[in-house]
PDB file of N, CA and C in Angstrom:
ATOM      1  N   MET A   1      -0.493  -6.090  17.083  1.00  0.00           N
ATOM      2  CA  MET A   1      -0.085  -7.229  17.595  1.00  0.00           C
ATOM      3  C   MET A   1       0.230  -8.569  17.373  1.00  0.00           C
ATOM      4  N   GLU A   2       1.631  -9.061  17.538  1.00  0.00           N
ATOM      5  CA  GLU A   2       1.846 -10.503  16.769  1.00  0.00           C
ATOM      6  C   GLU A   2       1.541 -11.534  17.574  1.00  0.00           C
ATOM      7  N   MET A   3       1.063 -12.627  17.136  1.00  0.00           N
ATOM      8  CA  MET A   3       1.496 -13.615  17.662  1.00  0.00           C
ATOM      9  C   MET A   3       2.116 -14.943  17.373  1.00  0.00           C
ATOM     10  N   LYS A   4       3.377 -15.553  18.305  1.00  0.00           N
ATOM     11  CA  LYS A   4       4.399 -15.795  18.556  1.00  0.00           C
ATOM     12  C   LYS A   4       4.109 -17.072  18.862  1.00  0.00           C
ATOM     13  N   PRO A   5       5.247 -18.390  18.108  1.00  0.00           N
ATOM     14  CA  PRO A   5       5.718 -19.635  18.850  1.00  0.00           C
ATOM     15  C   PRO A   5       5.671 -20.080  19.853  1.00  0.00           C
ATOM     16  N   ASN A   6       5.081 -21.297  20.688  1.00  0.00           N
ATOM     17  CA  ASN A   6       5.431 -21.445  21.435  1.00  0.00           C
ATOM     18  C   ASN A   6       6.740 -22.378  21.804  1.00  0.00           C
ATOM     19  N   SER A   7       7.956 -21.817  22.204  1.00  0.00           N
ATOM     20  CA  SER A   7       9.476 -22.835  21.466  1.00  0.00           C
ATOM     21  C   SER A   7       9.397 -23.651  22.157  1.00  0.00           C
ATOM     22  N   GLN A   8       8.008 -23.972  23.797  1.00  0.00           N
ATOM     23  CA  GLN A   8       7.891 -25.197  24.523  1.00  0.00           C
ATOM     24  C   GLN A   8       7.307 -25.570  24.517  1.00  0.00           C
ATOM     25  N   CYS A   9       6.660 -26.337  22.756  1.00  0.00           N
ATOM     26  CA  CYS A   9       5.804 -26.957  23.221  1.00  0.00           C
ATOM     27  C   CYS A   9       5.493 -28.218  23.313  1.00  0.00           C
ATOM     28  N   SER A  10       4.957 -28.884  23.407  1.00  0.00           N
ATOM     29  CA  SER A  10       5.104 -30.822  23.788  1.00  0.00           C
ATOM     30  C   SER A  10       5.095 -31.598  23.054  1.00  0.00           C
ATOM     31  N   ASN A  11       4.212 -30.790  21.772  1.00  0.00           N
ATOM     32  CA  ASN A  11       4.026 -31.258  20.569  1.00  0.00           C
ATOM     33  C   ASN A  11       4.555 -31.653  18.794  1.00  0.00           C
ATOM     34  N   ALA A  12       5.142 -32.304  17.934  1.00  0.00           N
ATOM     35  CA  ALA A  12       6.598 -32.302  18.108  1.00  0.00           C
ATOM     36  C   ALA A  12       6.398 -32.800  16.569  1.00  0.00           C
ATOM     37  N   ALA A  13       5.289 -32.095  16.266  1.00  0.00           N
ATOM     38  CA  ALA A  13       4.113 -31.441  15.215  1.00  0.00           C
ATOM     39  C   ALA A  13       4.147 -30.546  14.946  1.00  0.00           C
ATOM     40  N   CYS A  14       3.908 -29.596  15.917  1.00  0.00           N
ATOM     41  CA  CYS A  14       3.459 -28.436  16.528  1.00  0.00           C
ATOM     42  C   CYS A  14       5.721 -27.563  15.659  1.00  0.00           C
ATOM     43  N   LEU A  15       5.816 -28.016  17.642  1.00  0.00           N
ATOM     44  CA  LEU A  15       7.064 -28.242  16.044  1.00  0.00           C
ATOM     45  C   LEU A  15       7.874 -27.790  15.256  1.00  0.00           C
ATOM     46  N   GLU A  16       8.156 -28.712  14.744  1.00  0.00           N
ATOM     47  CA  GLU A  16       8.665 -28.574  12.868  1.00  0.00           C
ATOM     48  C   GLU A  16       7.633 -28.055  12.106  1.00  0.00           C
ATOM     49  N   ARG A  17       6.721 -27.717  12.608  1.00  0.00           N
ATOM     50  CA  ARG A  17       5.560 -27.025  11.599  1.00  0.00           C
ATOM     51  C   ARG A  17       7.051 -25.806  11.751  1.00  0.00           C
ATOM     52  N   GLN A  18       6.760 -24.867  13.225  1.00  0.00           N
ATOM     53  CA  GLN A  18       7.732 -23.629  13.271  1.00  0.00           C
ATOM     54  C   GLN A  18       8.395 -23.640  13.080  1.00  0.00           C
ATOM     55  N   LYS A  19       9.755 -24.694  13.234  1.00  0.00           N
ATOM     56  CA  LYS A  19      10.361 -24.777  12.185  1.00  0.00           C
ATOM     57  C   LYS A  19      10.875 -23.696  10.422  1.00  0.00           C
ATOM     58  N   GLU A  20       9.661 -24.995   9.933  1.00  0.00           N
ATOM     59  CA  GLU A  20       9.632 -24.024   8.764  1.00  0.00           C
ATOM     60  C   GLU A  20       8.754 -22.976   7.972  1.00  0.00           C
ATOM     61  N   TYR A  21       7.967 -22.451   9.268  1.00  0.00           N
ATOM     62  CA  TYR A  21       7.533 -21.464   9.651  1.00  0.00           C
ATOM     63  C   TYR A  21       8.799 -19.519   9.637  1.00  0.00           C
ATOM     64  N   VAL A  22       9.758 -20.392  10.243  1.00  0.00           N
ATOM     65  CA  VAL A  22      11.020 -19.681  10.417  1.00  0.00           C
ATOM     66  C   VAL A  22      11.719 -19.602   8.676  1.00  0.00           C
ATOM     67  N   LEU A  23      12.182 -20.935   8.613  1.00  0.00           N
ATOM     68  CA  LEU A  23      12.769 -20.629   7.390  1.00  0.00           C
ATOM     69  C   LEU A  23      12.484 -20.290   6.598  1.00  0.00           C
ATOM     70  N   ALA A  24      10.487 -20.616   6.579  1.00  0.00           N
ATOM     71  CA  ALA A  24       9.414 -19.769   5.008  1.00  0.00           C
ATOM     72  C   ALA A  24       9.111 -18.403   4.973  1.00  0.00           C
ATOM     73  N   GLN A  25      10.403 -17.297   5.934  1.00  0.00           N
ATOM     74  CA  GLN A  25       9.863 -16.600   6.049  1.00  0.00           C
ATOM     75  C   GLN A  25      10.402 -15.343   5.661  1.00  0.00           C
ATOM     76  N   PRO A  26      11.584 -14.765   4.727  1.00  0.00           N
ATOM     77  CA  PRO A  26      12.150 -14.552   3.595  1.00  0.00           C
ATOM     78  C   PRO A  26      11.543 -14.769   2.607  1.00  0.00           C
ATOM     79  N   THR A  27      11.009 -15.686   1.669  1.00  0.00           N
ATOM     80  CA  THR A  27      10.074 -15.653   0.648  1.00  0.00           C
ATOM     81  C   THR A  27       9.007 -15.443   0.724  1.00  0.00           C
ATOM     82  N   ARG A  28       7.677 -15.483   2.726  1.00  0.00           N
ATOM     83  CA  ARG A  28       7.107 -14.226   2.338  1.00  0.00           C
ATOM     84  C   ARG A  28       7.068 -12.578   2.378  1.00  0.00           C
ATOM     85  N   ASP A  29       7.723 -12.755   3.149  1.00  0.00           N
ATOM     86  CA  ASP A  29       9.281 -11.899   2.686  1.00  0.00           C
ATOM     87  C   ASP A  29       8.533 -11.065   1.592  1.00  0.00           C
ATOM     88  N   ALA A  30       9.315 -11.385   1.299  1.00  0.00           N
ATOM     89  CA  ALA A  30       9.520 -10.841  -0.571  1.00  0.00           C
ATOM     90  C   ALA A  30       8.662 -11.339  -1.397  1.00  0.00           C
ATOM     91  N   ALA A  31       7.855 -11.912  -1.463  1.00  0.00           N
ATOM     92  CA  ALA A  31       6.583 -11.250  -1.820  1.00  0.00           C
ATOM     93  C   ALA A  31       5.358 -10.789  -1.830  1.00  0.00           C
ATOM     94  N   ALA A  32       5.188 -10.698   0.078  1.00  0.00           N
ATOM     95  CA  ALA A  32       4.805  -8.615   0.455  1.00  0.00           C
ATOM     96  C   ALA A  32       5.389  -7.844  -0.364  1.00  0.00           C
ATOM     97  N   LYS A  33       6.799  -7.824  -0.242  1.00  0.00           N
ATOM     98  CA  LYS A  33       7.456  -6.459  -0.933  1.00  0.00           C
ATOM     99  C   LYS A  33       6.704  -5.874  -2.169  1.00  0.00           C
ATOM    100  N   ALA A  34       7.089  -8.129  -2.794  1.00  0.00           N
ATOM    101  CA  ALA A  34       6.348  -7.868  -5.242  1.00  0.00           C
ATOM    102  C   ALA A  34       5.434  -7.528  -4.865  1.00  0.00           C
ATOM    103  N   LYS A  35       4.671  -7.628  -3.575  1.00  0.00           N
ATOM    104  CA  LYS A  35       2.716  -7.167  -4.052  1.00  0.00           C
ATOM    105  C   LYS A  35       2.812  -5.887  -3.803  1.00  0.00           C
ATOM    106  N   ALA A  36       3.345  -6.012  -2.999  1.00  0.00           N
ATOM    107  CA  ALA A  36       3.077  -4.136  -2.387  1.00  0.00           C
ATOM    108  C   ALA A  36       3.456  -2.527  -4.068  1.00  0.00           C
ATOM    109  N   ASP A  37       4.669  -3.796  -4.118  1.00  0.00           N
ATOM    110  CA  ASP A  37       5.331  -2.540  -5.583  1.00  0.00           C
ATOM    111  C   ASP A  37       4.627  -2.670  -6.682  1.00  0.00           C
ATOM    112  N   SER A  38       3.980  -3.870  -6.899  1.00  0.00           N
ATOM    113  CA  SER A  38       3.428  -3.855  -7.675  1.00  0.00           C
ATOM    114  C   SER A  38       1.488  -3.750  -7.324  1.00  0.00           C
ATOM    115  N   GLU A  39       1.211  -3.290  -7.149  1.00  0.00           N
ATOM    116  CA  GLU A  39       0.482  -2.356  -6.796  1.00  0.00           C
ATOM    117  C   GLU A  39       0.446  -0.818  -6.239  1.00  0.00           C
ATOM    118  N   ALA A  40       1.354  -0.274  -5.891  1.00  0.00           N
ATOM    119  CA  ALA A  40       1.682   0.513  -5.801  1.00  0.00           C
ATOM    120  C   ALA A  40       2.281   1.375  -7.702  1.00  0.00           C
ATOM    121  N   LEU A  41       2.906   0.448  -8.301  1.00  0.00           N
ATOM    122  CA  LEU A  41       3.393   0.816  -9.959  1.00  0.00           C
ATOM    123  C   LEU A  41       1.739   0.927 -10.720  1.00  0.00           C
ATOM    124  N   SER A  42       0.277   0.120  -9.575  1.00  0.00           N
ATOM    125  CA  SER A  42      -0.941   0.037 -10.626  1.00  0.00           C
ATOM    126  C   SER A  42      -1.441   0.710 -10.817  1.00  0.00           C
ATOM    127  N   VAL A  43      -1.670   1.439  -9.208  1.00  0.00           N
ATOM    128  CA  VAL A  43      -2.302   3.057  -8.582  1.00  0.00           C
ATOM    129  C   VAL A  43      -1.579   4.228  -9.146  1.00  0.00           C
ATOM    130  N   ALA A  44      -0.494   3.709  -9.888  1.00  0.00           N
ATOM    131  CA  ALA A  44       0.521   5.225 -10.605  1.00  0.00           C
ATOM    132  C   ALA A  44      -0.033   5.430 -11.805  1.00  0.00           C
ATOM    133  N   GLU A  45      -0.185   3.969 -12.733  1.00  0.00           N
ATOM    134  CA  GLU A  45      -0.555   4.130 -13.908  1.00  0.00           C
ATOM    135  C   GLU A  45      -1.547   4.251 -14.108  1.00  0.00           C
ATOM    136  N   ASN A  46      -2.505   3.887 -13.219  1.00  0.00           N
ATOM    137  CA  ASN A  46      -4.102   3.794 -13.485  1.00  0.00           C
ATOM    138  C   ASN A  46      -4.876   5.323 -12.771  1.00  0.00           C
ATOM    139  N   PRO A  47      -4.936   6.562 -13.651  1.00  0.00           N
ATOM    140  CA  PRO A  47      -5.985   7.451 -12.878  1.00  0.00           C
ATOM    141  C   PRO A  47      -7.078   6.279 -11.934  1.00  0.00           C
ATOM    142  N   VAL A  48      -7.756   7.374 -11.339  1.00  0.00           N
ATOM    143  CA  VAL A  48      -8.545   7.360 -10.576  1.00  0.00           C
ATOM    144  C   VAL A  48     -10.113   7.353 -11.540  1.00  0.00           C
ATOM    145  N   HIS A  49      -9.976   8.290 -12.343  1.00  0.00           N
ATOM    146  CA  HIS A  49     -11.769   8.035 -13.363  1.00  0.00           C
ATOM    147  C   HIS A  49     -10.642   8.275 -14.721  1.00  0.00           C
ATOM    148  N   ALA A  50     -10.698   7.561 -15.276  1.00  0.00           N
ATOM    149  CA  ALA A  50     -10.626   7.750 -16.404  1.00  0.00           C
ATOM    150  C   ALA A  50     -11.617   8.887 -17.297  1.00  0.00           C
ATOM    151  N   ASP A  51     -12.554   8.513 -16.918  1.00  0.00           N
ATOM    152  CA  ASP A  51     -12.925  10.411 -18.156  1.00  0.00           C
ATOM    153  C   ASP A  51     -14.291  10.928 -16.676  1.00  0.00           C
ATOM    154  N   ASN A  52     -13.737  12.666 -17.192  1.00  0.00           N
ATOM    155  CA  ASN A  52     -14.595  13.546 -16.600  1.00  0.00           C
ATOM    156  C   ASN A  52     -15.240  13.991 -16.492  1.00  0.00           C
ATOM    157  N   GLU A  53     -16.558  13.518 -16.874  1.00  0.00           N
ATOM    158  CA  GLU A  53     -17.913  13.723 -17.479  1.00  0.00           C
ATOM    159  C   GLU A  53     -18.619  15.859 -17.453  1.00  0.00           C
ATOM    160  N   TRP A  54     -17.607  15.845 -15.675  1.00  0.00           N
ATOM    161  CA  TRP A  54     -18.471  17.153 -15.110  1.00  0.00           C
ATOM    162  C   TRP A  54     -17.263  18.433 -15.233  1.00  0.00           C
ATOM    163  N   ASN A  55     -16.128  18.088 -16.060  1.00  0.00           N
ATOM    164  CA  ASN A  55     -14.685  18.976 -15.897  1.00  0.00           C
ATOM    165  C   ASN A  55     -14.399  19.032 -15.235  1.00  0.00           C
ATOM    166  N   ILE A  56     -14.174  18.363 -13.406  1.00  0.00           N
ATOM    167  CA  ILE A  56     -13.691  18.968 -12.835  1.00  0.00           C
ATOM    168  C   ILE A  56     -12.476  18.830 -12.253  1.00  0.00           C
ATOM    169  N   SER A  57     -11.010  19.795 -12.258  1.00  0.00           N
ATOM    170  CA  SER A  57     -10.003  20.096 -11.751  1.00  0.00           C
ATOM    171  C   SER A  57      -9.952  20.567 -11.532  1.00  0.00           C
ATOM    172  N   VAL A  58      -8.611  20.541  -9.995  1.00  0.00           N
ATOM    173  CA  VAL A  58      -8.258  20.704  -9.111  1.00  0.00           C
ATOM    174  C   VAL A  58      -7.050  20.987  -8.984  1.00  0.00           C
ATOM    175  N   VAL A  59      -6.926  22.682  -8.912  1.00  0.00           N
ATOM    176  CA  VAL A  59      -5.589  23.614  -8.654  1.00  0.00           C
ATOM    177  C   VAL A  59      -5.107  23.620  -8.278  1.00  0.00           C
ATOM    178  N   ASP A  60      -3.749  24.842  -7.740  1.00  0.00           N
ATOM    179  CA  ASP A  60      -4.049  25.414  -6.719  1.00  0.00           C
ATOM    180  C   ASP A  60      -4.207  26.143  -7.194  1.00  0.00           C
ATOM    181  N   ASP A  61      -4.750  27.605  -6.676  1.00  0.00           N
ATOM    182  CA  ASP A  61      -5.319  28.718  -5.625  1.00  0.00           C
ATOM    183  C   ASP A  61      -4.562  30.145  -7.004  1.00  0.00           C
ATOM    184  N   ASP A  62      -2.461  30.006  -7.113  1.00  0.00           N
ATOM    185  CA  ASP A  62      -1.396  30.835  -7.798  1.00  0.00           C
ATOM    186  C   ASP A  62      -2.453  30.346  -9.723  1.00  0.00           C
ATOM    187  N   GLU A  63      -2.806  29.338  -9.595  1.00  0.00           N
ATOM    188  CA  GLU A  63      -2.397  28.533 -11.095  1.00  0.00           C
ATOM    189  C   GLU A  63      -4.156  29.587 -11.509  1.00  0.00           C
ATOM    190  N   VAL A  64      -5.023  29.374 -11.212  1.00  0.00           N
ATOM    191  CA  VAL A  64      -6.778  30.178 -10.972  1.00  0.00           C
ATOM    192  C   VAL A  64      -6.121  31.486 -12.118  1.00  0.00           C
ATOM    193  N   ASP A  65      -6.919  31.878 -13.197  1.00  0.00           N
ATOM    194  CA  ASP A  65      -6.667  32.906 -14.693  1.00  0.00           C
ATOM    195  C   ASP A  65      -8.039  33.815 -14.028  1.00  0.00           C
ATOM    196  N   GLY A  66      -8.083  34.412 -13.633  1.00  0.00           N
ATOM    197  CA  GLY A  66      -9.438  35.654 -14.066  1.00  0.00           C
ATOM    198  C   GLY A  66     -10.683  35.911 -14.904  1.00  0.00           C
ATOM    199  N   ALA A  67     -10.487  35.274 -15.910  1.00  0.00           N
ATOM    200  CA  ALA A  67     -11.607  34.104 -16.451  1.00  0.00           C
ATOM    201  C   ALA A  67     -12.924  32.886 -15.954  1.00  0.00           C
ATOM    202  N   ASP A  68     -11.925  32.207 -15.591  1.00  0.00           N
ATOM    203  CA  ASP A  68     -12.117  30.908 -14.079  1.00  0.00           C
ATOM    204  C   ASP A  68     -12.780  31.758 -13.530  1.00  0.00           C
ATOM    205  N   VAL A  69     -12.506  32.410 -12.164  1.00  0.00           N
ATOM    206  CA  VAL A  69     -13.093  33.532 -11.505  1.00  0.00           C
ATOM    207  C   VAL A  69     -14.258  33.803 -10.865  1.00  0.00           C
ATOM    208  N   ARG A  70     -14.130  34.341 -12.655  1.00  0.00           N
ATOM    209  CA  ARG A  70     -15.153  35.249 -13.182  1.00  0.00           C
ATOM    210  C   ARG A  70     -16.951  34.541 -13.162  1.00  0.00           C
ATOM    211  N   PHE A  71     -16.143  33.405 -14.150  1.00  0.00           N
ATOM    212  CA  PHE A  71     -17.093  31.796 -14.160  1.00  0.00           C
ATOM    213  C   PHE A  71     -17.700  31.557 -13.507  1.00  0.00           C
ATOM    214  N   GLN A  72     -16.744  31.113 -12.353  1.00  0.00           N
ATOM    215  CA  GLN A  72     -17.410  31.194 -10.856  1.00  0.00           C
ATOM    216  C   GLN A  72     -18.125  31.887 -10.570  1.00  0.00           C
ATOM    217  N   VAL A  73     -18.234  32.499  -9.735  1.00  0.00           N
ATOM    218  CA  VAL A  73     -18.637  33.626  -9.386  1.00  0.00           C
ATOM    219  C   VAL A  73     -20.153  33.713 -10.056  1.00  0.00           C
ATOM    220  N   SER A  74     -20.181  33.475 -11.230  1.00  0.00           N
ATOM    221  CA  SER A  74     -20.883  33.837 -12.134  1.00  0.00           C
ATOM    222  C   SER A  74     -22.015  32.361 -11.851  1.00  0.00           C
ATOM    223  N   PHE A  75     -21.642  31.667 -12.088  1.00  0.00           N
ATOM    224  CA  PHE A  75     -22.566  30.109 -11.405  1.00  0.00           C
ATOM    225  C   PHE A  75     -22.159  31.011 -10.301  1.00  0.00           C
ATOM    226  N   LEU A  76     -21.463  30.780  -9.482  1.00  0.00           N
ATOM    227  CA  LEU A  76     -22.193  30.948  -7.655  1.00  0.00           C
ATOM    228  C   LEU A  76     -23.673  31.456  -7.406  1.00  0.00           C
ATOM    229  N   LYS A  77     -24.024  32.663  -8.478  1.00  0.00           N
ATOM    230  CA  LYS A  77     -25.085  33.901  -8.310  1.00  0.00           C
ATOM    231  C   LYS A  77     -26.041  32.786  -9.142  1.00  0.00           C
ATOM    232  N   VAL A  78     -25.809  32.483  -9.594  1.00  0.00           N
ATOM    233  CA  VAL A  78     -26.874  31.825 -10.512  1.00  0.00           C
ATOM    234  C   VAL A  78     -27.583  30.789  -9.763  1.00  0.00           C
ATOM    235  N   LEU A  79     -26.054  30.140  -9.561  1.00  0.00           N
ATOM    236  CA  LEU A  79     -27.231  28.949  -7.835  1.00  0.00           C
ATOM    237  C   LEU A  79     -28.298  29.619  -7.159  1.00  0.00           C
ATOM    238  N   PHE A  80     -26.891  30.567  -6.625  1.00  0.00           N
ATOM    239  CA  PHE A  80     -27.455  31.823  -5.526  1.00  0.00           C
ATOM    240  C   PHE A  80     -29.490  31.789  -5.686  1.00  0.00           C
ATOM    241  N   MET A  81     -29.288  32.367  -6.919  1.00  0.00           N
ATOM    242  CA  MET A  81     -30.768  33.018  -7.337  1.00  0.00           C
ATOM    243  C   MET A  81     -31.865  31.856  -7.019  1.00  0.00           C
ATOM    244  N   SER A  82     -30.974  30.787  -7.412  1.00  0.00           N
ATOM    245  CA  SER A  82     -31.667  29.055  -8.285  1.00  0.00           C
ATOM    246  C   SER A  82     -32.628  29.276  -7.029  1.00  0.00           C
ATOM    247  N   CYS A  83     -31.950  29.208  -5.302  1.00  0.00           N
ATOM    248  CA  CYS A  83     -31.869  28.811  -3.994  1.00  0.00           C
ATOM    249  C   CYS A  83     -32.895  29.341  -3.839  1.00  0.00           C
ATOM    250  N   GLN A  84     -33.524  30.871  -3.822  1.00  0.00           N
ATOM    251  CA  GLN A  84     -33.952  31.093  -2.890  1.00  0.00           C
ATOM    252  C   GLN A  84     -35.277  31.551  -3.464  1.00  0.00           C
TER     253      GLN A  84
END
């Protein structure tokens, strides 16, 4: 929801501020766009975590080779046995 100015306000100073606000709108829009663009670039340039202490990665199921699957199965077996 956006608050709209009252064009029938009886206060002259209020009407003057409304005119100033309307005239400054393009500048505010450009500043907001520039800020959004710079934030998007900074997010794309910097990884979320610079180090990967646990060597965790996300890969597509088609990219997993047999050695990774065997390691995952053996790890799960050890984990399951330690929980009993």
